[in-house]
Amino acid sequence: HCWLEGSPQTNALVQAALAASVPTYDNYAVILNEDRGGGC
C-alpha cells in the first residue's frame, strides 16, 4: 500500500499550502512526522 497514502482532503490541503507559501514550484516533498520507516 506504498507505506503511506493521502486522505480525500490531502491534495486540496497540499495545494492550498503551496499556494500560500510557494506559488511557483516544480516539485515538492512531504516529510511525515512518523517514527516508522516508509516512502512513496
ModelCIF file with pLDDT and N, C-alpha, C, O atoms, coordinates in Angstrom:
data_MODEL
#
_entry.id   MODEL 
#
_entity.id                         1 
_entity.type                       polymer 
_entity.pdbx_number_of_molecules   1 
#
_entity_poly.entity_id                      1 
_entity_poly.type                           'polypeptide(L)' 
_entity_poly.nstd_linkage                   no 
_entity_poly.nstd_monomer                   no 
_entity_poly.pdbx_seq_one_letter_code       HCWLEGSPQTNALVQAALAASVPTYDNYAVILNEDRGGGC 
_entity_poly.pdbx_seq_one_letter_code_can   HCWLEGSPQTNALVQAALAASVPTYDNYAVILNEDRGGGC 
_entity_poly.pdbx_strand_id                 A 
#
loop_
_entity_poly_seq.entity_id 
_entity_poly_seq.num 
_entity_poly_seq.mon_id 
_entity_poly_seq.hetero 
1 1  HIS n 
1 2  CYS n 
1 3  TRP n 
1 4  LEU n 
1 5  GLU n 
1 6  GLY n 
1 7  SER n 
1 8  PRO n 
1 9  GLN n 
1 10 THR n 
1 11 ASN n 
1 12 ALA n 
1 13 LEU n 
1 14 VAL n 
1 15 GLN n 
1 16 ALA n 
1 17 ALA n 
1 18 LEU n 
1 19 ALA n 
1 20 ALA n 
1 21 SER n 
1 22 VAL n 
1 23 PRO n 
1 24 THR n 
1 25 TYR n 
1 26 ASP n 
1 27 ASN n 
1 28 TYR n 
1 29 ALA n 
1 30 VAL n 
1 31 ILE n 
1 32 LEU n 
1 33 ASN n 
1 34 GLU n 
1 35 ASP n 
1 36 ARG n 
1 37 GLY n 
1 38 GLY n 
1 39 GLY n 
1 40 CYS n 
#
_struct_asym.id          A 
_struct_asym.entity_id   1 
#
loop_
_ma_qa_metric.id 
_ma_qa_metric.mode 
_ma_qa_metric.name 
_ma_qa_metric.software_group_id 
_ma_qa_metric.type 
1 global pLDDT . pLDDT 
2 local  pLDDT . pLDDT 
#
_ma_qa_metric_global.metric_id      1 
_ma_qa_metric_global.metric_value   93.28 
_ma_qa_metric_global.model_id       1 
_ma_qa_metric_global.ordinal_id     1 
#
loop_
_ma_qa_metric_local.label_asym_id 
_ma_qa_metric_local.label_comp_id 
_ma_qa_metric_local.label_seq_id 
_ma_qa_metric_local.metric_id 
_ma_qa_metric_local.metric_value 
_ma_qa_metric_local.model_id 
_ma_qa_metric_local.ordinal_id 
A HIS 1  2 95.00 1 1  
A CYS 2  2 94.00 1 2  
A TRP 3  2 96.00 1 3  
A LEU 4  2 96.00 1 4  
A GLU 5  2 95.00 1 5  
A GLY 6  2 94.00 1 6  
A SER 7  2 95.00 1 7  
A PRO 8  2 95.00 1 8  
A GLN 9  2 95.00 1 9  
A THR 10 2 96.00 1 10 
A ASN 11 2 94.00 1 11 
A ALA 12 2 96.00 1 12 
A LEU 13 2 96.00 1 13 
A VAL 14 2 95.00 1 14 
A GLN 15 2 93.00 1 15 
A ALA 16 2 95.00 1 16 
A ALA 17 2 94.00 1 17 
A LEU 18 2 94.00 1 18 
A ALA 19 2 94.00 1 19 
A ALA 20 2 93.00 1 20 
A SER 21 2 90.00 1 21 
A VAL 22 2 90.00 1 22 
A PRO 23 2 83.00 1 23 
A THR 24 2 87.00 1 24 
A TYR 25 2 86.00 1 25 
A ASP 26 2 83.00 1 26 
A ASN 27 2 86.00 1 27 
A TYR 28 2 91.00 1 28 
A ALA 29 2 93.00 1 29 
A VAL 30 2 95.00 1 30 
A ILE 31 2 95.00 1 31 
A LEU 32 2 96.00 1 32 
A ASN 33 2 96.00 1 33 
A GLU 34 2 96.00 1 34 
A ASP 35 2 95.00 1 35 
A ARG 36 2 96.00 1 36 
A GLY 37 2 95.00 1 37 
A GLY 38 2 95.00 1 38 
A GLY 39 2 94.00 1 39 
A CYS 40 2 94.00 1 40 
#
loop_
_atom_site.group_PDB 
_atom_site.id 
_atom_site.type_symbol 
_atom_site.label_atom_id 
_atom_site.label_alt_id 
_atom_site.label_comp_id 
_atom_site.label_asym_id 
_atom_site.label_entity_id 
_atom_site.label_seq_id 
_atom_site.pdbx_PDB_ins_code 
_atom_site.Cartn_x 
_atom_site.Cartn_y 
_atom_site.Cartn_z 
_atom_site.occupancy 
_atom_site.B_iso_or_equiv 
_atom_site.pdbx_formal_charge 
_atom_site.auth_seq_id 
_atom_site.auth_comp_id 
_atom_site.auth_asym_id 
_atom_site.auth_atom_id 
_atom_site.pdbx_PDB_model_num 
ATOM 1   N N  . HIS A 1 1  ? 0.831  -1.207 0.000  1.00 95.00 ? 1  HIS A N  1 
ATOM 2   C CA . HIS A 1 1  ? 0.000  0.000  0.000  1.00 95.00 ? 1  HIS A CA 1 
ATOM 3   C C  . HIS A 1 1  ? 0.868  1.260  0.000  1.00 95.00 ? 1  HIS A C  1 
ATOM 4   O O  . HIS A 1 1  ? 0.415  2.339  0.382  1.00 95.00 ? 1  HIS A O  1 
ATOM 5   N N  . CYS A 1 2  ? 2.104  1.106  -0.429 1.00 94.00 ? 2  CYS A N  1 
ATOM 6   C CA . CYS A 1 2  ? 3.030  2.231  -0.604 1.00 94.00 ? 2  CYS A CA 1 
ATOM 7   C C  . CYS A 1 2  ? 3.386  2.925  0.710  1.00 94.00 ? 2  CYS A C  1 
ATOM 8   O O  . CYS A 1 2  ? 3.810  4.081  0.702  1.00 94.00 ? 2  CYS A O  1 
ATOM 9   N N  . TRP A 1 3  ? 3.217  2.223  1.849  1.00 96.00 ? 3  TRP A N  1 
ATOM 10  C CA . TRP A 1 3  ? 3.604  2.702  3.168  1.00 96.00 ? 3  TRP A CA 1 
ATOM 11  C C  . TRP A 1 3  ? 2.728  3.841  3.692  1.00 96.00 ? 3  TRP A C  1 
ATOM 12  O O  . TRP A 1 3  ? 2.447  3.908  4.889  1.00 96.00 ? 3  TRP A O  1 
ATOM 13  N N  . LEU A 1 4  ? 2.305  4.716  2.818  1.00 96.00 ? 4  LEU A N  1 
ATOM 14  C CA . LEU A 1 4  ? 1.513  5.861  3.257  1.00 96.00 ? 4  LEU A CA 1 
ATOM 15  C C  . LEU A 1 4  ? 0.567  6.268  2.135  1.00 96.00 ? 4  LEU A C  1 
ATOM 16  O O  . LEU A 1 4  ? 0.749  5.874  0.983  1.00 96.00 ? 4  LEU A O  1 
ATOM 17  N N  . GLU A 1 5  ? -0.426 7.044  2.475  1.00 95.00 ? 5  GLU A N  1 
ATOM 18  C CA . GLU A 1 5  ? -1.415 7.452  1.483  1.00 95.00 ? 5  GLU A CA 1 
ATOM 19  C C  . GLU A 1 5  ? -2.056 8.765  1.902  1.00 95.00 ? 5  GLU A C  1 
ATOM 20  O O  . GLU A 1 5  ? -1.921 9.198  3.046  1.00 95.00 ? 5  GLU A O  1 
ATOM 21  N N  . GLY A 1 6  ? -2.740 9.377  0.983  1.00 94.00 ? 6  GLY A N  1 
ATOM 22  C CA . GLY A 1 6  ? -3.440 10.599 1.299  1.00 94.00 ? 6  GLY A CA 1 
ATOM 23  C C  . GLY A 1 6  ? -4.895 10.318 1.643  1.00 94.00 ? 6  GLY A C  1 
ATOM 24  O O  . GLY A 1 6  ? -5.455 9.300  1.238  1.00 94.00 ? 6  GLY A O  1 
ATOM 25  N N  . SER A 1 7  ? -5.492 11.218 2.384  1.00 95.00 ? 7  SER A N  1 
ATOM 26  C CA . SER A 1 7  ? -6.923 11.157 2.664  1.00 95.00 ? 7  SER A CA 1 
ATOM 27  C C  . SER A 1 7  ? -7.645 11.910 1.539  1.00 95.00 ? 7  SER A C  1 
ATOM 28  O O  . SER A 1 7  ? -6.981 12.519 0.700  1.00 95.00 ? 7  SER A O  1 
ATOM 29  N N  . PRO A 1 8  ? -8.975 11.886 1.496  1.00 95.00 ? 8  PRO A N  1 
ATOM 30  C CA . PRO A 1 8  ? -9.690 12.649 0.477  1.00 95.00 ? 8  PRO A CA 1 
ATOM 31  C C  . PRO A 1 8  ? -9.401 14.153 0.518  1.00 95.00 ? 8  PRO A C  1 
ATOM 32  O O  . PRO A 1 8  ? -9.581 14.848 -0.482 1.00 95.00 ? 8  PRO A O  1 
ATOM 33  N N  . GLN A 1 9  ? -8.953 14.653 1.671  1.00 95.00 ? 9  GLN A N  1 
ATOM 34  C CA . GLN A 1 9  ? -8.677 16.089 1.790  1.00 95.00 ? 9  GLN A CA 1 
ATOM 35  C C  . GLN A 1 9  ? -7.233 16.462 1.476  1.00 95.00 ? 9  GLN A C  1 
ATOM 36  O O  . GLN A 1 9  ? -6.917 17.642 1.323  1.00 95.00 ? 9  GLN A O  1 
ATOM 37  N N  . THR A 1 10 ? -6.349 15.459 1.378  1.00 96.00 ? 10 THR A N  1 
ATOM 38  C CA . THR A 1 10 ? -4.906 15.741 1.325  1.00 96.00 ? 10 THR A CA 1 
ATOM 39  C C  . THR A 1 10 ? -4.508 16.607 0.146  1.00 96.00 ? 10 THR A C  1 
ATOM 40  O O  . THR A 1 10 ? -3.798 17.597 0.325  1.00 96.00 ? 10 THR A O  1 
ATOM 41  N N  . ASN A 1 11 ? -4.942 16.262 -1.046 1.00 94.00 ? 11 ASN A N  1 
ATOM 42  C CA . ASN A 1 11 ? -4.490 17.007 -2.221 1.00 94.00 ? 11 ASN A CA 1 
ATOM 43  C C  . ASN A 1 11 ? -4.864 18.478 -2.132 1.00 94.00 ? 11 ASN A C  1 
ATOM 44  O O  . ASN A 1 11 ? -4.037 19.345 -2.417 1.00 94.00 ? 11 ASN A O  1 
ATOM 45  N N  . ALA A 1 12 ? -6.096 18.768 -1.742 1.00 96.00 ? 12 ALA A N  1 
ATOM 46  C CA . ALA A 1 12 ? -6.526 20.170 -1.630 1.00 96.00 ? 12 ALA A CA 1 
ATOM 47  C C  . ALA A 1 12 ? -5.732 20.902 -0.554 1.00 96.00 ? 12 ALA A C  1 
ATOM 48  O O  . ALA A 1 12 ? -5.389 22.071 -0.727 1.00 96.00 ? 12 ALA A O  1 
ATOM 49  N N  . LEU A 1 13 ? -5.437 20.229 0.551  1.00 96.00 ? 13 LEU A N  1 
ATOM 50  C CA . LEU A 1 13 ? -4.675 20.857 1.624  1.00 96.00 ? 13 LEU A CA 1 
ATOM 51  C C  . LEU A 1 13 ? -3.237 21.142 1.181  1.00 96.00 ? 13 LEU A C  1 
ATOM 52  O O  . LEU A 1 13 ? -2.678 22.191 1.502  1.00 96.00 ? 13 LEU A O  1 
ATOM 53  N N  . VAL A 1 14 ? -2.644 20.200 0.441  1.00 95.00 ? 14 VAL A N  1 
ATOM 54  C CA . VAL A 1 14 ? -1.284 20.416 -0.075 1.00 95.00 ? 14 VAL A CA 1 
ATOM 55  C C  . VAL A 1 14 ? -1.269 21.599 -1.040 1.00 95.00 ? 14 VAL A C  1 
ATOM 56  O O  . VAL A 1 14 ? -0.405 22.470 -0.942 1.00 95.00 ? 14 VAL A O  1 
ATOM 57  N N  . GLN A 1 15 ? -2.220 21.631 -1.967 1.00 93.00 ? 15 GLN A N  1 
ATOM 58  C CA . GLN A 1 15 ? -2.258 22.712 -2.944 1.00 93.00 ? 15 GLN A CA 1 
ATOM 59  C C  . GLN A 1 15 ? -2.485 24.063 -2.275 1.00 93.00 ? 15 GLN A C  1 
ATOM 60  O O  . GLN A 1 15 ? -1.917 25.071 -2.696 1.00 93.00 ? 15 GLN A O  1 
ATOM 61  N N  . ALA A 1 16 ? -3.303 24.083 -1.247 1.00 95.00 ? 16 ALA A N  1 
ATOM 62  C CA . ALA A 1 16 ? -3.535 25.334 -0.524 1.00 95.00 ? 16 ALA A CA 1 
ATOM 63  C C  . ALA A 1 16 ? -2.273 25.794 0.193  1.00 95.00 ? 16 ALA A C  1 
ATOM 64  O O  . ALA A 1 16 ? -1.962 26.985 0.209  1.00 95.00 ? 16 ALA A O  1 
ATOM 65  N N  . ALA A 1 17 ? -1.553 24.855 0.780  1.00 94.00 ? 17 ALA A N  1 
ATOM 66  C CA . ALA A 1 17 ? -0.310 25.203 1.471  1.00 94.00 ? 17 ALA A CA 1 
ATOM 67  C C  . ALA A 1 17 ? 0.727  25.739 0.494  1.00 94.00 ? 17 ALA A C  1 
ATOM 68  O O  . ALA A 1 17 ? 1.436  26.700 0.793  1.00 94.00 ? 17 ALA A O  1 
ATOM 69  N N  . LEU A 1 18 ? 0.811  25.108 -0.681 1.00 94.00 ? 18 LEU A N  1 
ATOM 70  C CA . LEU A 1 18 ? 1.757  25.574 -1.691 1.00 94.00 ? 18 LEU A CA 1 
ATOM 71  C C  . LEU A 1 18 ? 1.369  26.956 -2.204 1.00 94.00 ? 18 LEU A C  1 
ATOM 72  O O  . LEU A 1 18 ? 2.222  27.832 -2.351 1.00 94.00 ? 18 LEU A O  1 
ATOM 73  N N  . ALA A 1 19 ? 0.089  27.149 -2.473 1.00 94.00 ? 19 ALA A N  1 
ATOM 74  C CA . ALA A 1 19 ? -0.368 28.437 -2.989 1.00 94.00 ? 19 ALA A CA 1 
ATOM 75  C C  . ALA A 1 19 ? -0.092 29.560 -2.006 1.00 94.00 ? 19 ALA A C  1 
ATOM 76  O O  . ALA A 1 19 ? 0.196  30.686 -2.411 1.00 94.00 ? 19 ALA A O  1 
ATOM 77  N N  . ALA A 1 20 ? -0.177 29.257 -0.713 1.00 93.00 ? 20 ALA A N  1 
ATOM 78  C CA . ALA A 1 20 ? 0.038  30.280 0.301  1.00 93.00 ? 20 ALA A CA 1 
ATOM 79  C C  . ALA A 1 20 ? 1.505  30.620 0.498  1.00 93.00 ? 20 ALA A C  1 
ATOM 80  O O  . ALA A 1 20 ? 1.842  31.750 0.853  1.00 93.00 ? 20 ALA A O  1 
ATOM 81  N N  . SER A 1 21 ? 2.380  29.646 0.270  1.00 90.00 ? 21 SER A N  1 
ATOM 82  C CA . SER A 1 21 ? 3.792  29.834 0.616  1.00 90.00 ? 21 SER A CA 1 
ATOM 83  C C  . SER A 1 21 ? 4.728  29.861 -0.585 1.00 90.00 ? 21 SER A C  1 
ATOM 84  O O  . SER A 1 21 ? 5.627  30.699 -0.650 1.00 90.00 ? 21 SER A O  1 
ATOM 85  N N  . VAL A 1 22 ? 4.525  28.949 -1.541 1.00 90.00 ? 22 VAL A N  1 
ATOM 86  C CA . VAL A 1 22 ? 5.424  28.856 -2.701 1.00 90.00 ? 22 VAL A CA 1 
ATOM 87  C C  . VAL A 1 22 ? 4.586  28.651 -3.972 1.00 90.00 ? 22 VAL A C  1 
ATOM 88  O O  . VAL A 1 22 ? 4.538  27.544 -4.508 1.00 90.00 ? 22 VAL A O  1 
ATOM 89  N N  . PRO A 1 23 ? 3.931  29.707 -4.450 1.00 83.00 ? 23 PRO A N  1 
ATOM 90  C CA . PRO A 1 23 ? 3.032  29.556 -5.593 1.00 83.00 ? 23 PRO A CA 1 
ATOM 91  C C  . PRO A 1 23 ? 3.714  29.088 -6.878 1.00 83.00 ? 23 PRO A C  1 
ATOM 92  O O  . PRO A 1 23 ? 3.062  28.539 -7.765 1.00 83.00 ? 23 PRO A O  1 
ATOM 93  N N  . THR A 1 24 ? 5.039  29.307 -6.977 1.00 87.00 ? 24 THR A N  1 
ATOM 94  C CA . THR A 1 24 ? 5.779  28.822 -8.141 1.00 87.00 ? 24 THR A CA 1 
ATOM 95  C C  . THR A 1 24 ? 6.724  27.719 -7.687 1.00 87.00 ? 24 THR A C  1 
ATOM 96  O O  . THR A 1 24 ? 7.679  27.972 -6.954 1.00 87.00 ? 24 THR A O  1 
ATOM 97  N N  . TYR A 1 25 ? 6.453  26.498 -8.125 1.00 86.00 ? 25 TYR A N  1 
ATOM 98  C CA . TYR A 1 25 ? 7.291  25.366 -7.728 1.00 86.00 ? 25 TYR A CA 1 
ATOM 99  C C  . TYR A 1 25 ? 7.293  24.331 -8.844 1.00 86.00 ? 25 TYR A C  1 
ATOM 100 O O  . TYR A 1 25 ? 6.397  24.311 -9.688 1.00 86.00 ? 25 TYR A O  1 
ATOM 101 N N  . ASP A 1 26 ? 8.301  23.477 -8.841 1.00 83.00 ? 26 ASP A N  1 
ATOM 102 C CA . ASP A 1 26 ? 8.404  22.407 -9.828 1.00 83.00 ? 26 ASP A CA 1 
ATOM 103 C C  . ASP A 1 26 ? 8.048  21.056 -9.225 1.00 83.00 ? 26 ASP A C  1 
ATOM 104 O O  . ASP A 1 26 ? 7.353  20.257 -9.853 1.00 83.00 ? 26 ASP A O  1 
ATOM 105 N N  . ASN A 1 27 ? 8.517  20.800 -8.020 1.00 86.00 ? 27 ASN A N  1 
ATOM 106 C CA . ASN A 1 27 ? 8.219  19.566 -7.305 1.00 86.00 ? 27 ASN A CA 1 
ATOM 107 C C  . ASN A 1 27 ? 8.136  19.896 -5.823 1.00 86.00 ? 27 ASN A C  1 
ATOM 108 O O  . ASN A 1 27 ? 8.645  20.925 -5.380 1.00 86.00 ? 27 ASN A O  1 
ATOM 109 N N  . TYR A 1 28 ? 7.505  19.039 -5.071 1.00 91.00 ? 28 TYR A N  1 
ATOM 110 C CA . TYR A 1 28 ? 7.520  19.221 -3.628 1.00 91.00 ? 28 TYR A CA 1 
ATOM 111 C C  . TYR A 1 28 ? 7.754  17.878 -2.949 1.00 91.00 ? 28 TYR A C  1 
ATOM 112 O O  . TYR A 1 28 ? 7.497  16.823 -3.529 1.00 91.00 ? 28 TYR A O  1 
ATOM 113 N N  . ALA A 1 29 ? 8.234  17.928 -1.736 1.00 93.00 ? 29 ALA A N  1 
ATOM 114 C CA . ALA A 1 29 ? 8.450  16.734 -0.915 1.00 93.00 ? 29 ALA A CA 1 
ATOM 115 C C  . ALA A 1 29 ? 7.730  16.929 0.409  1.00 93.00 ? 29 ALA A C  1 
ATOM 116 O O  . ALA A 1 29 ? 7.725  18.026 0.968  1.00 93.00 ? 29 ALA A O  1 
ATOM 117 N N  . VAL A 1 30 ? 7.123  15.857 0.906  1.00 95.00 ? 30 VAL A N  1 
ATOM 118 C CA . VAL A 1 30 ? 6.428  15.876 2.189  1.00 95.00 ? 30 VAL A CA 1 
ATOM 119 C C  . VAL A 1 30 ? 7.147  14.941 3.149  1.00 95.00 ? 30 VAL A C  1 
ATOM 120 O O  . VAL A 1 30 ? 7.430  13.795 2.800  1.00 95.00 ? 30 VAL A O  1 
ATOM 121 N N  . ILE A 1 31 ? 7.444  15.412 4.350  1.00 95.00 ? 31 ILE A N  1 
ATOM 122 C CA . ILE A 1 31 ? 8.035  14.580 5.390  1.00 95.00 ? 31 ILE A CA 1 
ATOM 123 C C  . ILE A 1 31 ? 6.992  14.374 6.481  1.00 95.00 ? 31 ILE A C  1 
ATOM 124 O O  . ILE A 1 31 ? 6.529  15.333 7.098  1.00 95.00 ? 31 ILE A O  1 
ATOM 125 N N  . LEU A 1 32 ? 6.629  13.125 6.711  1.00 96.00 ? 32 LEU A N  1 
ATOM 126 C CA . LEU A 1 32 ? 5.619  12.804 7.715  1.00 96.00 ? 32 LEU A CA 1 
ATOM 127 C C  . LEU A 1 32 ? 6.256  12.661 9.091  1.00 96.00 ? 32 LEU A C  1 
ATOM 128 O O  . LEU A 1 32 ? 7.340  12.092 9.222  1.00 96.00 ? 32 LEU A O  1 
ATOM 129 N N  . ASN A 1 33 ? 5.594  13.168 10.101 1.00 96.00 ? 33 ASN A N  1 
ATOM 130 C CA . ASN A 1 33 ? 6.061  13.088 11.483 1.00 96.00 ? 33 ASN A CA 1 
ATOM 131 C C  . ASN A 1 33 ? 5.721  11.700 12.040 1.00 96.00 ? 33 ASN A C  1 
ATOM 132 O O  . ASN A 1 33 ? 4.820  11.539 12.862 1.00 96.00 ? 33 ASN A O  1 
ATOM 133 N N  . GLU A 1 34 ? 6.478  10.704 11.561 1.00 96.00 ? 34 GLU A N  1 
ATOM 134 C CA . GLU A 1 34 ? 6.198  9.298  11.867 1.00 96.00 ? 34 GLU A CA 1 
ATOM 135 C C  . GLU A 1 34 ? 7.498  8.588  12.188 1.00 96.00 ? 34 GLU A C  1 
ATOM 136 O O  . GLU A 1 34 ? 8.489  8.745  11.474 1.00 96.00 ? 34 GLU A O  1 
ATOM 137 N N  . ASP A 1 35 ? 7.501  7.795  13.274 1.00 95.00 ? 35 ASP A N  1 
ATOM 138 C CA . ASP A 1 35 ? 8.711  7.134  13.737 1.00 95.00 ? 35 ASP A CA 1 
ATOM 139 C C  . ASP A 1 35 ? 8.944  5.765  13.110 1.00 95.00 ? 35 ASP A C  1 
ATOM 140 O O  . ASP A 1 35 ? 9.893  5.073  13.479 1.00 95.00 ? 35 ASP A O  1 
ATOM 141 N N  . ARG A 1 36 ? 8.098  5.366  12.174 1.00 96.00 ? 36 ARG A N  1 
ATOM 142 C CA . ARG A 1 36 ? 8.354  4.154  11.405 1.00 96.00 ? 36 ARG A CA 1 
ATOM 143 C C  . ARG A 1 36 ? 8.759  4.531  9.985  1.00 96.00 ? 36 ARG A C  1 
ATOM 144 O O  . ARG A 1 36 ? 8.420  5.610  9.501  1.00 96.00 ? 36 ARG A O  1 
ATOM 145 N N  . GLY A 1 37 ? 9.483  3.639  9.323  1.00 95.00 ? 37 GLY A N  1 
ATOM 146 C CA . GLY A 1 37 ? 10.016 3.953  8.009  1.00 95.00 ? 37 GLY A CA 1 
ATOM 147 C C  . GLY A 1 37 ? 9.008  3.751  6.903  1.00 95.00 ? 37 GLY A C  1 
ATOM 148 O O  . GLY A 1 37 ? 8.053  2.988  7.050  1.00 95.00 ? 37 GLY A O  1 
ATOM 149 N N  . GLY A 1 38 ? 9.228  4.449  5.774  1.00 95.00 ? 38 GLY A N  1 
ATOM 150 C CA . GLY A 1 38 ? 8.394  4.275  4.604  1.00 95.00 ? 38 GLY A CA 1 
ATOM 151 C C  . GLY A 1 38 ? 8.416  5.499  3.718  1.00 95.00 ? 38 GLY A C  1 
ATOM 152 O O  . GLY A 1 38 ? 8.578  6.623  4.192  1.00 95.00 ? 38 GLY A O  1 
ATOM 153 N N  . GLY A 1 39 ? 8.249  5.267  2.412  1.00 94.00 ? 39 GLY A N  1 
ATOM 154 C CA . GLY A 1 39 ? 8.204  6.372  1.471  1.00 94.00 ? 39 GLY A CA 1 
ATOM 155 C C  . GLY A 1 39 ? 7.421  5.981  0.237  1.00 94.00 ? 39 GLY A C  1 
ATOM 156 O O  . GLY A 1 39 ? 7.293  4.799  -0.082 1.00 94.00 ? 39 GLY A O  1 
ATOM 157 N N  . CYS A 1 40 ? 6.895  6.984  -0.458 1.00 94.00 ? 40 CYS A N  1 
ATOM 158 C CA . CYS A 1 40 ? 6.109  6.726  -1.658 1.00 94.00 ? 40 CYS A CA 1 
ATOM 159 C C  . CYS A 1 40 ? 6.119  7.980  -2.516 1.00 94.00 ? 40 CYS A C  1 
ATOM 160 O O  . CYS A 1 40 ? 5.516  8.000  -3.588 1.00 94.00 ? 40 CYS A O  1 
#
